[in-house]
Amino acid sequence: MRSTFKVLFYLKRDKQKSNGTIPLFCRDGGQEARFGMKCDVNPKI
């Protein structure tokens, strides 16, 4: 049996913090499970 696994990383732009960073989230394509990565990124880089 062959299986595939998809992972999508995305920025939650509507949750921008006061220092300009945006939280990074992850979504599993098969189960549609979403969770935060507990890190913030600068969207301008």
PDB file of N, CA and C in Angstrom:
ATOM      1  N   MET A   1       0.836  -1.176   0.000  1.00  0.00           N
ATOM      2  CA  MET A   1       0.000   0.000   0.000  1.00  0.00           C
ATOM      3  C   MET A   1       0.884   1.244   0.000  1.00  0.00           C
ATOM      4  N   ARG A   2       0.549   2.183  -0.853  1.00  0.00           N
ATOM      5  CA  ARG A   2       1.316   3.414  -0.939  1.00  0.00           C
ATOM      6  C   ARG A   2       0.508   4.558  -0.315  1.00  0.00           C
ATOM      7  N   SER A   3       1.174   5.381   0.457  1.00  0.00           N
ATOM      8  CA  SER A   3       0.483   6.512   1.076  1.00  0.00           C
ATOM      9  C   SER A   3       1.287   7.786   0.855  1.00  0.00           C
ATOM     10  N   THR A   4       0.597   8.895   0.892  1.00  0.00           N
ATOM     11  CA  THR A   4       1.249  10.199   0.759  1.00  0.00           C
ATOM     12  C   THR A   4       0.901  11.046   1.968  1.00  0.00           C
ATOM     13  N   PHE A   5       1.731  12.020   2.201  1.00  0.00           N
ATOM     14  CA  PHE A   5       1.548  12.894   3.345  1.00  0.00           C
ATOM     15  C   PHE A   5       1.850  14.318   2.901  1.00  0.00           C
ATOM     16  N   LYS A   6       0.908  15.219   3.101  1.00  0.00           N
ATOM     17  CA  LYS A   6       1.091  16.612   2.711  1.00  0.00           C
ATOM     18  C   LYS A   6       1.139  17.491   3.955  1.00  0.00           C
ATOM     19  N   VAL A   7       2.068  18.436   3.961  1.00  0.00           N
ATOM     20  CA  VAL A   7       2.167  19.412   5.041  1.00  0.00           C
ATOM     21  C   VAL A   7       2.268  20.782   4.405  1.00  0.00           C
ATOM     22  N   LEU A   8       1.460  21.713   4.869  1.00  0.00           N
ATOM     23  CA  LEU A   8       1.455  23.065   4.344  1.00  0.00           C
ATOM     24  C   LEU A   8       1.790  24.029   5.480  1.00  0.00           C
ATOM     25  N   PHE A   9       2.790  24.862   5.271  1.00  0.00           N
ATOM     26  CA  PHE A   9       3.135  25.912   6.217  1.00  0.00           C
ATOM     27  C   PHE A   9       2.596  27.228   5.678  1.00  0.00           C
ATOM     28  N   TYR A  10       1.975  28.010   6.545  1.00  0.00           N
ATOM     29  CA  TYR A  10       1.426  29.283   6.100  1.00  0.00           C
ATOM     30  C   TYR A  10       1.501  30.316   7.215  1.00  0.00           C
ATOM     31  N   LEU A  11       1.428  31.595   6.831  1.00  0.00           N
ATOM     32  CA  LEU A  11       1.456  32.704   7.773  1.00  0.00           C
ATOM     33  C   LEU A  11       0.034  33.122   8.106  1.00  0.00           C
ATOM     34  N   LYS A  12      -0.232  33.343   9.364  1.00  0.00           N
ATOM     35  CA  LYS A  12      -1.546  33.778   9.814  1.00  0.00           C
ATOM     36  C   LYS A  12      -1.542  35.312   9.827  1.00  0.00           C
ATOM     37  N   ARG A  13      -1.727  35.914   8.647  1.00  0.00           N
ATOM     38  CA  ARG A  13      -1.547  37.358   8.461  1.00  0.00           C
ATOM     39  C   ARG A  13      -2.528  38.208   9.257  1.00  0.00           C
ATOM     40  N   ASP A  14      -3.673  37.688   9.611  1.00  0.00           N
ATOM     41  CA  ASP A  14      -4.639  38.479  10.378  1.00  0.00           C
ATOM     42  C   ASP A  14      -4.281  38.565  11.867  1.00  0.00           C
ATOM     43  N   LYS A  15      -3.221  37.897  12.281  1.00  0.00           N
ATOM     44  CA  LYS A  15      -2.782  37.912  13.690  1.00  0.00           C
ATOM     45  C   LYS A  15      -1.434  38.618  13.866  1.00  0.00           C
ATOM     46  N   GLN A  16      -1.178  39.662  13.098  1.00  0.00           N
ATOM     47  CA  GLN A  16       0.103  40.361  13.164  1.00  0.00           C
ATOM     48  C   GLN A  16       0.302  40.973  14.552  1.00  0.00           C
ATOM     49  N   LYS A  17       1.505  40.834  15.092  1.00  0.00           N
ATOM     50  CA  LYS A  17       1.833  41.341  16.421  1.00  0.00           C
ATOM     51  C   LYS A  17       2.341  42.771  16.327  1.00  0.00           C
ATOM     52  N   SER A  18       2.475  43.410  17.463  1.00  0.00           N
ATOM     53  CA  SER A  18       2.860  44.823  17.491  1.00  0.00           C
ATOM     54  C   SER A  18       4.284  45.067  16.984  1.00  0.00           C
ATOM     55  N   ASN A  19       5.153  44.054  17.056  1.00  0.00           N
ATOM     56  CA  ASN A  19       6.525  44.225  16.565  1.00  0.00           C
ATOM     57  C   ASN A  19       6.650  43.911  15.071  1.00  0.00           C
ATOM     58  N   GLY A  20       5.539  43.595  14.390  1.00  0.00           N
ATOM     59  CA  GLY A  20       5.537  43.366  12.950  1.00  0.00           C
ATOM     60  C   GLY A  20       5.685  41.919  12.528  1.00  0.00           C
ATOM     61  N   THR A  21       5.857  41.012  13.476  1.00  0.00           N
ATOM     62  CA  THR A  21       6.004  39.597  13.133  1.00  0.00           C
ATOM     63  C   THR A  21       4.633  38.932  13.012  1.00  0.00           C
ATOM     64  N   ILE A  22       4.615  37.805  12.302  1.00  0.00           N
ATOM     65  CA  ILE A  22       3.380  37.066  12.053  1.00  0.00           C
ATOM     66  C   ILE A  22       3.602  35.612  12.472  1.00  0.00           C
ATOM     67  N   PRO A  23       2.627  34.989  13.157  1.00  0.00           N
ATOM     68  CA  PRO A  23       2.798  33.596  13.568  1.00  0.00           C
ATOM     69  C   PRO A  23       2.769  32.628  12.382  1.00  0.00           C
ATOM     70  N   LEU A  24       3.561  31.576  12.497  1.00  0.00           N
ATOM     71  CA  LEU A  24       3.654  30.535  11.486  1.00  0.00           C
ATOM     72  C   LEU A  24       2.779  29.359  11.916  1.00  0.00           C
ATOM     73  N   PHE A  25       1.927  28.887  11.010  1.00  0.00           N
ATOM     74  CA  PHE A  25       1.041  27.765  11.290  1.00  0.00           C
ATOM     75  C   PHE A  25       1.332  26.629  10.326  1.00  0.00           C
ATOM     76  N   CYS A  26       0.858  25.461  10.668  1.00  0.00           N
ATOM     77  CA  CYS A  26       1.049  24.270   9.844  1.00  0.00           C
ATOM     78  C   CYS A  26      -0.299  23.571   9.698  1.00  0.00           C
ATOM     79  N   ARG A  27      -0.521  22.985   8.507  1.00  0.00           N
ATOM     80  CA  ARG A  27      -1.760  22.246   8.262  1.00  0.00           C
ATOM     81  C   ARG A  27      -1.422  20.919   7.607  1.00  0.00           C
ATOM     82  N   ASP A  28      -2.043  19.871   8.112  1.00  0.00           N
ATOM     83  CA  ASP A  28      -1.906  18.527   7.536  1.00  0.00           C
ATOM     84  C   ASP A  28      -2.981  18.378   6.473  1.00  0.00           C
ATOM     85  N   GLY A  29      -2.585  18.075   5.258  1.00  0.00           N
ATOM     86  CA  GLY A  29      -3.525  17.990   4.148  1.00  0.00           C
ATOM     87  C   GLY A  29      -4.529  16.868   4.256  1.00  0.00           C
ATOM     88  N   GLY A  30      -4.168  15.740   4.839  1.00  0.00           N
ATOM     89  CA  GLY A  30      -5.064  14.600   4.903  1.00  0.00           C
ATOM     90  C   GLY A  30      -6.146  14.728   5.960  1.00  0.00           C
ATOM     91  N   GLN A  31      -5.791  15.133   7.142  1.00  0.00           N
ATOM     92  CA  GLN A  31      -6.740  15.208   8.243  1.00  0.00           C
ATOM     93  C   GLN A  31      -7.265  16.615   8.492  1.00  0.00           C
ATOM     94  N   GLU A  32      -6.713  17.600   7.795  1.00  0.00           N
ATOM     95  CA  GLU A  32      -7.064  19.006   8.004  1.00  0.00           C
ATOM     96  C   GLU A  32      -6.826  19.434   9.457  1.00  0.00           C
ATOM     97  N   ALA A  33      -5.788  18.913  10.071  1.00  0.00           N
ATOM     98  CA  ALA A  33      -5.404  19.325  11.410  1.00  0.00           C
ATOM     99  C   ALA A  33      -4.549  20.575  11.294  1.00  0.00           C
ATOM    100  N   ARG A  34      -4.850  21.592  12.081  1.00  0.00           N
ATOM    101  CA  ARG A  34      -4.090  22.843  12.066  1.00  0.00           C
ATOM    102  C   ARG A  34      -3.493  23.073  13.434  1.00  0.00           C
ATOM    103  N   PHE A  35      -2.248  23.554  13.440  1.00  0.00           N
ATOM    104  CA  PHE A  35      -1.612  23.853  14.708  1.00  0.00           C
ATOM    105  C   PHE A  35      -0.557  24.920  14.502  1.00  0.00           C
ATOM    106  N   GLY A  36      -0.297  25.692  15.561  1.00  0.00           N
ATOM    107  CA  GLY A  36       0.712  26.735  15.527  1.00  0.00           C
ATOM    108  C   GLY A  36       2.095  26.162  15.742  1.00  0.00           C
ATOM    109  N   MET A  37       3.076  26.756  15.092  1.00  0.00           N
ATOM    110  CA  MET A  37       4.455  26.295  15.209  1.00  0.00           C
ATOM    111  C   MET A  37       5.192  26.954  16.373  1.00  0.00           C
ATOM    112  N   LYS A  38       4.534  27.853  17.074  1.00  0.00           N
ATOM    113  CA  LYS A  38       5.097  28.568  18.223  1.00  0.00           C
ATOM    114  C   LYS A  38       6.346  29.359  17.847  1.00  0.00           C
ATOM    115  N   CYS A  39       6.345  29.920  16.647  1.00  0.00           N
ATOM    116  CA  CYS A  39       7.416  30.820  16.237  1.00  0.00           C
ATOM    117  C   CYS A  39       6.785  31.904  15.356  1.00  0.00           C
ATOM    118  N   ASP A  40       7.409  33.073  15.397  1.00  0.00           N
ATOM    119  CA  ASP A  40       6.938  34.209  14.622  1.00  0.00           C
ATOM    120  C   ASP A  40       8.011  34.554  13.584  1.00  0.00           C
ATOM    121  N   VAL A  41       7.564  34.994  12.420  1.00  0.00           N
ATOM    122  CA  VAL A  41       8.476  35.326  11.350  1.00  0.00           C
ATOM    123  C   VAL A  41       8.216  36.743  10.856  1.00  0.00           C
ATOM    124  N   ASN A  42       9.243  37.339  10.284  1.00  0.00           N
ATOM    125  CA  ASN A  42       9.119  38.645   9.689  1.00  0.00           C
ATOM    126  C   ASN A  42       8.661  38.445   8.240  1.00  0.00           C
ATOM    127  N   PRO A  43       7.490  38.947   7.841  1.00  0.00           N
ATOM    128  CA  PRO A  43       6.977  38.672   6.505  1.00  0.00           C
ATOM    129  C   PRO A  43       7.744  39.402   5.395  1.00  0.00           C
ATOM    130  N   LYS A  44       8.581  40.348   5.730  1.00  0.00           N
ATOM    131  CA  LYS A  44       9.307  41.123   4.723  1.00  0.00           C
ATOM    132  C   LYS A  44      10.589  40.433   4.267  1.00  0.00           C
ATOM    133  N   ILE A  45      10.981  39.365   4.940  1.00  0.00           N
ATOM    134  CA  ILE A  45      12.227  38.666   4.561  1.00  0.00           C
ATOM    135  C   ILE A  45      11.913  37.600   3.547  1.00  0.00           C
TER     136      ILE A  45
END
